[in-house]
Every structure is written in C-alpha cells, then in structure tokens.
Amino acid sequence: MKQLQKGFTLIELLIVVAIIGILAAIAVPAYTDYRIKARMSEVVLAASSLRTAVAEHAQSQGGIASAGLGMTVGSTQYVDSGSVIANGKIVIIGKPAAIGLTGTGAAVVLTMTPSFANGNVVGWQCNLSPTQYAPGTCTAGNI
C-alpha cells in the first residue's frame, strides 16, 4: 500500500518566501516614514507651551511687542532649542539625527506665526521643514 506524504513542495515554499519579501520591501519604508512623522509631532508639541504663553501674554498686554518675549523651550530628545522671536513668532530647531533624518544639510525647523484679532491670538500658521514629514496638525497650515 502507498503511504500518502504530507507537506509543502519546494515551489510552494519559494512562493511564500517571495511574497513575504515583497511585503517587507513595502512595509519597511512606510514604517520608517511613520516613525519620523511621530518624532516630528514631538517637535510640534514642544511649541505648545510657548503658544500658550504667547496667547496669555497677548491677552493680558493687549498685543505683542515687536521684540522677542525672552521665552524659550529647553532641549529634549528631538528638540535642540526653541524661542519666541519678534511679534510672537515661535521658532523650534529639531535634532535631525535623533529624528532619523540623514544626509547633508538635513535640518528640522518649525516656525509658528500667530494671527491676531483685537490684540488676542486667534490662530497659528504652522510651517515645518521638511514638509513631507509634517504631522497632520501642521500640514493644513493653520492650527
């Protein structure tokens, strides 16, 4: 009597390995972009305390002086420095290597410019460089 052999053929195994390789080739770059976007959102988050301070200052003083306010944000894992400059504009400098950006001239710069109405901050214009990794809260331009 013949015994039935059970198992996969070599061709079936090769096809499965090829499919896994194709899926990995697609998933790894997407995962890398997602990781960089998450780190860039922390750069945007670093500006939130300065946004609150500028808004409170504008409301209590009836506007913002043209000179900087002397407000800064300290260094973190992904943020190098940040400060409020003229007219309440916030500039945050990120750490490209820590974020995962490599290459000559890699830089991470977030600028947030307030919009005023009657001396109060009513919105923020967000510009993050490089733009392809900007989180959804900053891609529309206004926060």
N, C-alpha and C. Protein backbone atom coordinates (compact mmCIF):
# COMPACT_ATOMS: atom_id res chain seq x y z
N MET A 1 0.83 -1.18 0.00
CA MET A 1 0.00 0.00 0.00
C MET A 1 0.87 1.25 0.00
N LYS A 2 0.39 2.25 -0.68
CA LYS A 2 1.09 3.52 -0.73
C LYS A 2 0.76 4.36 0.50
N GLN A 3 1.81 5.03 0.97
CA GLN A 3 1.57 5.99 2.05
C GLN A 3 1.43 7.37 1.45
N LEU A 4 0.50 8.13 1.95
CA LEU A 4 0.34 9.49 1.48
C LEU A 4 1.34 10.38 2.21
N GLN A 5 2.13 11.11 1.45
CA GLN A 5 3.07 12.04 2.05
C GLN A 5 2.42 13.40 2.16
N LYS A 6 2.63 14.01 3.30
CA LYS A 6 2.03 15.31 3.55
C LYS A 6 3.13 16.34 3.68
N GLY A 7 2.86 17.58 3.27
CA GLY A 7 3.83 18.65 3.38
C GLY A 7 3.73 19.58 2.19
N PHE A 8 4.63 20.55 2.16
CA PHE A 8 4.65 21.54 1.08
C PHE A 8 5.75 21.19 0.09
N THR A 9 5.52 21.54 -1.15
CA THR A 9 6.55 21.34 -2.15
C THR A 9 7.53 22.51 -2.09
N LEU A 10 8.66 22.34 -2.72
CA LEU A 10 9.68 23.38 -2.74
C LEU A 10 9.16 24.64 -3.43
N ILE A 11 8.41 24.49 -4.48
CA ILE A 11 7.85 25.64 -5.20
C ILE A 11 6.90 26.42 -4.30
N GLU A 12 6.05 25.75 -3.56
CA GLU A 12 5.12 26.43 -2.66
C GLU A 12 5.88 27.23 -1.60
N LEU A 13 6.93 26.66 -1.05
CA LEU A 13 7.73 27.36 -0.05
C LEU A 13 8.43 28.58 -0.65
N LEU A 14 8.94 28.47 -1.86
CA LEU A 14 9.60 29.59 -2.51
C LEU A 14 8.62 30.72 -2.80
N ILE A 15 7.41 30.38 -3.17
CA ILE A 15 6.39 31.40 -3.43
C ILE A 15 6.05 32.15 -2.14
N VAL A 16 5.92 31.43 -1.05
CA VAL A 16 5.61 32.07 0.24
C VAL A 16 6.76 33.00 0.66
N VAL A 17 7.99 32.56 0.49
CA VAL A 17 9.15 33.39 0.85
C VAL A 17 9.19 34.64 -0.03
N ALA A 18 8.89 34.50 -1.31
CA ALA A 18 8.87 35.65 -2.22
C ALA A 18 7.79 36.65 -1.82
N ILE A 19 6.61 36.17 -1.44
CA ILE A 19 5.53 37.06 -1.02
C ILE A 19 5.91 37.81 0.25
N ILE A 20 6.52 37.13 1.20
CA ILE A 20 6.95 37.78 2.44
C ILE A 20 8.01 38.84 2.13
N GLY A 21 8.92 38.55 1.21
CA GLY A 21 9.94 39.52 0.83
C GLY A 21 9.34 40.77 0.20
N ILE A 22 8.34 40.60 -0.65
CA ILE A 22 7.68 41.74 -1.28
C ILE A 22 6.95 42.59 -0.24
N LEU A 23 6.24 41.95 0.67
CA LEU A 23 5.55 42.69 1.73
C LEU A 23 6.53 43.45 2.62
N ALA A 24 7.66 42.84 2.94
CA ALA A 24 8.67 43.52 3.77
C ALA A 24 9.26 44.71 3.03
N ALA A 25 9.47 44.58 1.72
CA ALA A 25 10.03 45.69 0.95
C ALA A 25 9.08 46.89 0.91
N ILE A 26 7.80 46.64 1.02
CA ILE A 26 6.82 47.73 1.05
C ILE A 26 6.66 48.28 2.47
N ALA A 27 6.67 47.42 3.47
CA ALA A 27 6.36 47.83 4.84
C ALA A 27 7.49 48.60 5.51
N VAL A 28 8.73 48.25 5.26
CA VAL A 28 9.85 48.89 5.97
C VAL A 28 9.95 50.39 5.67
N PRO A 29 9.90 50.84 4.41
CA PRO A 29 9.93 52.29 4.16
C PRO A 29 8.71 53.02 4.75
N ALA A 30 7.55 52.39 4.70
CA ALA A 30 6.36 53.03 5.27
C ALA A 30 6.51 53.17 6.79
N TYR A 31 7.06 52.16 7.42
CA TYR A 31 7.28 52.22 8.87
C TYR A 31 8.29 53.30 9.22
N THR A 32 9.33 53.44 8.42
CA THR A 32 10.34 54.47 8.66
C THR A 32 9.72 55.86 8.57
N ASP A 33 8.91 56.10 7.55
CA ASP A 33 8.23 57.39 7.41
C ASP A 33 7.31 57.66 8.60
N TYR A 34 6.60 56.63 9.04
CA TYR A 34 5.69 56.78 10.18
C TYR A 34 6.47 57.14 11.44
N ARG A 35 7.60 56.50 11.65
CA ARG A 35 8.43 56.78 12.83
C ARG A 35 8.95 58.22 12.80
N ILE A 36 9.38 58.70 11.65
CA ILE A 36 9.87 60.07 11.53
C ILE A 36 8.73 61.06 11.77
N LYS A 37 7.54 60.79 11.23
CA LYS A 37 6.39 61.68 11.46
C LYS A 37 6.03 61.76 12.94
N ALA A 38 6.11 60.64 13.64
CA ALA A 38 5.81 60.64 15.07
C ALA A 38 6.81 61.49 15.83
N ARG A 39 8.07 61.41 15.45
CA ARG A 39 9.10 62.22 16.11
C ARG A 39 8.94 63.69 15.77
N MET A 40 8.52 63.99 14.55
CA MET A 40 8.28 65.38 14.16
C MET A 40 7.09 65.96 14.92
N SER A 41 6.12 65.14 15.25
CA SER A 41 4.98 65.65 16.02
C SER A 41 5.43 66.06 17.42
N GLU A 42 6.49 65.45 17.94
CA GLU A 42 7.03 65.88 19.23
C GLU A 42 7.68 67.26 19.11
N VAL A 43 8.22 67.58 17.95
CA VAL A 43 8.76 68.92 17.73
C VAL A 43 7.62 69.94 17.76
N VAL A 44 6.50 69.61 17.13
CA VAL A 44 5.33 70.49 17.15
C VAL A 44 4.80 70.61 18.58
N LEU A 45 4.80 69.51 19.31
CA LEU A 45 4.32 69.52 20.69
C LEU A 45 5.19 70.41 21.57
N ALA A 46 6.48 70.48 21.29
CA ALA A 46 7.38 71.33 22.09
C ALA A 46 6.98 72.79 22.01
N ALA A 47 6.33 73.18 20.92
CA ALA A 47 5.91 74.57 20.76
C ALA A 47 4.62 74.89 21.51
N SER A 48 3.92 73.89 22.01
CA SER A 48 2.61 74.14 22.62
C SER A 48 2.71 75.00 23.87
N SER A 49 3.74 74.79 24.69
CA SER A 49 3.86 75.62 25.89
C SER A 49 4.15 77.08 25.52
N LEU A 50 4.95 77.28 24.47
CA LEU A 50 5.22 78.64 24.01
C LEU A 50 3.99 79.27 23.39
N ARG A 51 3.19 78.49 22.68
CA ARG A 51 1.95 79.01 22.11
C ARG A 51 1.02 79.52 23.21
N THR A 52 0.90 78.74 24.28
CA THR A 52 0.05 79.14 25.39
C THR A 52 0.58 80.42 26.04
N ALA A 53 1.90 80.48 26.23
CA ALA A 53 2.50 81.66 26.86
C ALA A 53 2.31 82.91 26.00
N VAL A 54 2.48 82.78 24.70
CA VAL A 54 2.29 83.93 23.80
C VAL A 54 0.83 84.39 23.83
N ALA A 55 -0.10 83.44 23.79
CA ALA A 55 -1.52 83.79 23.81
C ALA A 55 -1.89 84.49 25.12
N GLU A 56 -1.39 83.97 26.23
CA GLU A 56 -1.69 84.61 27.52
C GLU A 56 -1.07 86.00 27.60
N HIS A 57 0.15 86.14 27.11
CA HIS A 57 0.81 87.45 27.13
C HIS A 57 0.05 88.45 26.26
N ALA A 58 -0.36 88.01 25.09
CA ALA A 58 -1.10 88.90 24.18
C ALA A 58 -2.42 89.33 24.80
N GLN A 59 -3.08 88.41 25.47
CA GLN A 59 -4.38 88.75 26.07
C GLN A 59 -4.20 89.70 27.25
N SER A 60 -3.20 89.46 28.08
CA SER A 60 -3.02 90.32 29.25
C SER A 60 -2.45 91.69 28.90
N GLN A 61 -1.63 91.76 27.84
CA GLN A 61 -1.00 93.03 27.46
C GLN A 61 -1.72 93.74 26.31
N GLY A 62 -2.71 93.11 25.75
CA GLY A 62 -3.44 93.71 24.65
C GLY A 62 -2.69 93.63 23.32
N GLY A 63 -1.77 92.71 23.19
CA GLY A 63 -1.00 92.52 21.97
C GLY A 63 0.41 92.06 22.28
N ILE A 64 1.22 91.96 21.26
CA ILE A 64 2.60 91.50 21.40
C ILE A 64 3.52 92.61 20.89
N ALA A 65 4.55 92.87 21.66
CA ALA A 65 5.56 93.85 21.23
C ALA A 65 6.35 93.27 20.07
N SER A 66 6.94 94.13 19.28
CA SER A 66 7.68 93.66 18.11
C SER A 66 8.95 92.92 18.49
N ALA A 67 9.49 93.17 19.67
CA ALA A 67 10.70 92.46 20.12
C ALA A 67 10.31 91.08 20.65
N GLY A 68 11.29 90.20 20.76
CA GLY A 68 11.05 88.88 21.32
C GLY A 68 10.64 88.95 22.78
N LEU A 69 9.99 87.91 23.27
CA LEU A 69 9.49 87.92 24.63
C LEU A 69 10.46 87.28 25.62
N GLY A 70 11.54 86.73 25.15
CA GLY A 70 12.50 86.09 26.04
C GLY A 70 12.06 84.71 26.51
N MET A 71 11.04 84.14 25.89
CA MET A 71 10.55 82.81 26.26
C MET A 71 11.30 81.76 25.45
N THR A 72 11.71 80.69 26.12
CA THR A 72 12.44 79.63 25.44
C THR A 72 11.90 78.27 25.86
N VAL A 73 12.27 77.26 25.10
CA VAL A 73 11.97 75.87 25.45
C VAL A 73 13.31 75.14 25.49
N GLY A 74 13.45 74.26 26.45
CA GLY A 74 14.71 73.56 26.63
C GLY A 74 14.91 72.41 25.65
N SER A 75 16.10 71.87 25.67
CA SER A 75 16.46 70.76 24.80
C SER A 75 15.81 69.48 25.29
N THR A 76 15.33 68.67 24.35
CA THR A 76 14.76 67.35 24.64
C THR A 76 15.41 66.34 23.71
N GLN A 77 14.86 65.16 23.68
CA GLN A 77 15.43 64.11 22.84
C GLN A 77 15.41 64.48 21.36
N TYR A 78 14.36 65.17 20.91
CA TYR A 78 14.22 65.51 19.49
C TYR A 78 14.28 67.00 19.21
N VAL A 79 14.31 67.83 20.25
CA VAL A 79 14.33 69.29 20.09
C VAL A 79 15.66 69.81 20.59
N ASP A 80 16.30 70.63 19.76
CA ASP A 80 17.57 71.25 20.14
C ASP A 80 17.31 72.52 20.94
N SER A 81 16.47 73.41 20.42
CA SER A 81 16.16 74.66 21.12
C SER A 81 14.90 75.25 20.53
N GLY A 82 14.38 76.24 21.22
CA GLY A 82 13.20 76.94 20.74
C GLY A 82 13.02 78.23 21.48
N SER A 83 12.47 79.23 20.81
CA SER A 83 12.26 80.52 21.45
C SER A 83 11.17 81.30 20.72
N VAL A 84 10.72 82.35 21.39
CA VAL A 84 9.76 83.28 20.80
C VAL A 84 10.56 84.48 20.32
N ILE A 85 10.42 84.78 19.04
CA ILE A 85 11.13 85.93 18.47
C ILE A 85 10.13 87.04 18.20
N ALA A 86 10.44 87.93 17.33
CA ALA A 86 9.63 89.13 17.07
C ALA A 86 8.18 88.80 16.76
N ASN A 87 7.29 89.63 17.30
CA ASN A 87 5.85 89.57 17.05
C ASN A 87 5.21 88.25 17.45
N GLY A 88 5.76 87.57 18.44
CA GLY A 88 5.17 86.33 18.94
C GLY A 88 5.46 85.11 18.10
N LYS A 89 6.30 85.23 17.09
CA LYS A 89 6.64 84.10 16.23
C LYS A 89 7.51 83.11 17.00
N ILE A 90 7.17 81.83 16.90
CA ILE A 90 7.88 80.77 17.60
C ILE A 90 8.76 80.02 16.60
N VAL A 91 10.01 79.78 16.98
CA VAL A 91 10.93 79.01 16.15
C VAL A 91 11.49 77.87 17.00
N ILE A 92 11.30 76.63 16.52
CA ILE A 92 11.81 75.45 17.20
C ILE A 92 12.80 74.77 16.25
N ILE A 93 13.99 74.47 16.76
CA ILE A 93 15.02 73.78 15.98
C ILE A 93 15.09 72.34 16.48
N GLY A 94 14.91 71.39 15.58
CA GLY A 94 14.95 69.98 15.94
C GLY A 94 16.33 69.37 15.74
N LYS A 95 16.48 68.14 16.21
CA LYS A 95 17.72 67.38 16.06
C LYS A 95 17.51 66.35 14.95
N PRO A 96 18.02 66.64 13.74
CA PRO A 96 17.75 65.76 12.59
C PRO A 96 18.23 64.32 12.80
N ALA A 97 19.40 64.13 13.36
CA ALA A 97 19.93 62.78 13.54
C ALA A 97 19.07 61.97 14.49
N ALA A 98 18.61 62.59 15.58
CA ALA A 98 17.76 61.89 16.55
C ALA A 98 16.39 61.56 15.95
N ILE A 99 15.90 62.43 15.09
CA ILE A 99 14.60 62.21 14.46
C ILE A 99 14.68 61.10 13.41
N GLY A 100 15.83 60.93 12.81
CA GLY A 100 16.00 59.90 11.80
C GLY A 100 16.27 60.44 10.42
N LEU A 101 16.50 61.75 10.31
CA LEU A 101 16.82 62.36 9.03
C LEU A 101 18.34 62.38 8.87
N THR A 102 18.80 61.88 7.76
CA THR A 102 20.23 61.86 7.50
C THR A 102 20.51 62.54 6.18
N GLY A 103 21.76 62.79 5.94
CA GLY A 103 22.16 63.41 4.69
C GLY A 103 22.72 64.80 4.93
N THR A 104 23.39 65.27 3.92
CA THR A 104 24.00 66.59 4.01
C THR A 104 22.92 67.66 4.05
N GLY A 105 23.03 68.55 4.99
CA GLY A 105 22.10 69.67 5.08
C GLY A 105 20.76 69.32 5.69
N ALA A 106 20.64 68.14 6.34
CA ALA A 106 19.37 67.79 6.98
C ALA A 106 19.12 68.75 8.14
N ALA A 107 17.97 69.37 8.15
CA ALA A 107 17.62 70.32 9.21
C ALA A 107 16.13 70.22 9.50
N VAL A 108 15.78 70.44 10.75
CA VAL A 108 14.38 70.44 11.17
C VAL A 108 14.09 71.80 11.79
N VAL A 109 13.21 72.56 11.15
CA VAL A 109 12.86 73.89 11.64
C VAL A 109 11.34 74.03 11.62
N LEU A 110 10.79 74.38 12.77
CA LEU A 110 9.36 74.65 12.90
C LEU A 110 9.19 76.13 13.21
N THR A 111 8.37 76.82 12.41
CA THR A 111 8.02 78.20 12.71
C THR A 111 6.51 78.28 12.85
N MET A 112 6.07 78.95 13.89
CA MET A 112 4.64 79.14 14.13
C MET A 112 4.40 80.64 14.30
N THR A 113 3.56 81.18 13.44
CA THR A 113 3.28 82.61 13.44
C THR A 113 1.84 82.83 13.90
N PRO A 114 1.65 83.65 14.95
CA PRO A 114 0.28 83.87 15.44
C PRO A 114 -0.50 84.84 14.56
N SER A 115 -1.81 84.64 14.53
CA SER A 115 -2.75 85.58 13.90
C SER A 115 -3.47 86.30 15.02
N PHE A 116 -3.57 87.62 14.91
CA PHE A 116 -4.17 88.42 15.96
C PHE A 116 -5.48 89.06 15.51
N ALA A 117 -6.38 89.21 16.46
CA ALA A 117 -7.61 89.98 16.27
C ALA A 117 -7.90 90.68 17.59
N ASN A 118 -7.95 91.99 17.57
CA ASN A 118 -8.21 92.79 18.77
C ASN A 118 -7.19 92.50 19.88
N GLY A 119 -5.95 92.28 19.49
CA GLY A 119 -4.90 92.04 20.47
C GLY A 119 -4.83 90.63 21.01
N ASN A 120 -5.71 89.74 20.57
CA ASN A 120 -5.72 88.35 21.03
C ASN A 120 -5.28 87.42 19.91
N VAL A 121 -4.65 86.31 20.29
CA VAL A 121 -4.24 85.30 19.32
C VAL A 121 -5.47 84.49 18.94
N VAL A 122 -5.77 84.42 17.64
CA VAL A 122 -6.93 83.68 17.16
C VAL A 122 -6.55 82.44 16.36
N GLY A 123 -5.28 82.29 16.03
CA GLY A 123 -4.84 81.12 15.28
C GLY A 123 -3.35 81.14 15.08
N TRP A 124 -2.84 80.05 14.54
CA TRP A 124 -1.40 79.90 14.30
C TRP A 124 -1.15 79.37 12.91
N GLN A 125 -0.19 79.96 12.22
CA GLN A 125 0.27 79.47 10.92
C GLN A 125 1.48 78.57 11.19
N CYS A 126 1.40 77.34 10.78
CA CYS A 126 2.44 76.35 11.07
C CYS A 126 3.24 76.03 9.81
N ASN A 127 4.56 76.13 9.90
CA ASN A 127 5.46 75.75 8.79
C ASN A 127 6.55 74.86 9.37
N LEU A 128 6.61 73.63 8.88
CA LEU A 128 7.60 72.67 9.36
C LEU A 128 8.42 72.17 8.18
N SER A 129 9.72 72.23 8.35
CA SER A 129 10.62 71.76 7.30
C SER A 129 11.41 70.58 7.85
N PRO A 130 11.47 69.48 7.12
CA PRO A 130 10.94 69.15 5.80
C PRO A 130 9.44 68.86 5.84
N THR A 131 8.74 69.35 4.84
CA THR A 131 7.28 69.30 4.83
C THR A 131 6.71 67.89 4.65
N GLN A 132 7.45 66.98 4.01
CA GLN A 132 6.88 65.65 3.76
C GLN A 132 6.70 64.85 5.03
N TYR A 133 7.34 65.25 6.12
CA TYR A 133 7.19 64.54 7.40
C TYR A 133 6.36 65.32 8.40
N ALA A 134 5.72 66.39 7.97
CA ALA A 134 4.91 67.20 8.87
C ALA A 134 3.69 66.39 9.33
N PRO A 135 3.39 66.41 10.63
CA PRO A 135 2.20 65.70 11.11
C PRO A 135 0.93 66.38 10.61
N GLY A 136 -0.17 65.68 10.70
CA GLY A 136 -1.44 66.18 10.19
C GLY A 136 -1.86 67.50 10.79
N THR A 137 -1.49 67.76 12.05
CA THR A 137 -1.88 69.02 12.67
C THR A 137 -1.18 70.21 12.06
N CYS A 138 -0.08 69.98 11.38
CA CYS A 138 0.71 71.09 10.82
C CYS A 138 0.60 71.16 9.29
N THR A 139 0.10 70.13 8.64
CA THR A 139 0.07 70.12 7.18
C THR A 139 -0.98 71.07 6.63
N ALA A 140 -2.04 71.32 7.35
CA ALA A 140 -3.07 72.22 6.86
C ALA A 140 -2.62 73.67 6.92
N GLY A 141 -1.55 73.93 7.65
CA GLY A 141 -1.04 75.29 7.73
C GLY A 141 -1.51 76.03 8.97
N ASN A 142 -2.77 75.86 9.33
CA ASN A 142 -3.31 76.57 10.50
C ASN A 142 -3.62 75.58 11.61
N ILE A 143 -3.31 76.03 12.81
CA ILE A 143 -3.61 75.19 13.99
C ILE A 143 -4.61 75.95 14.83
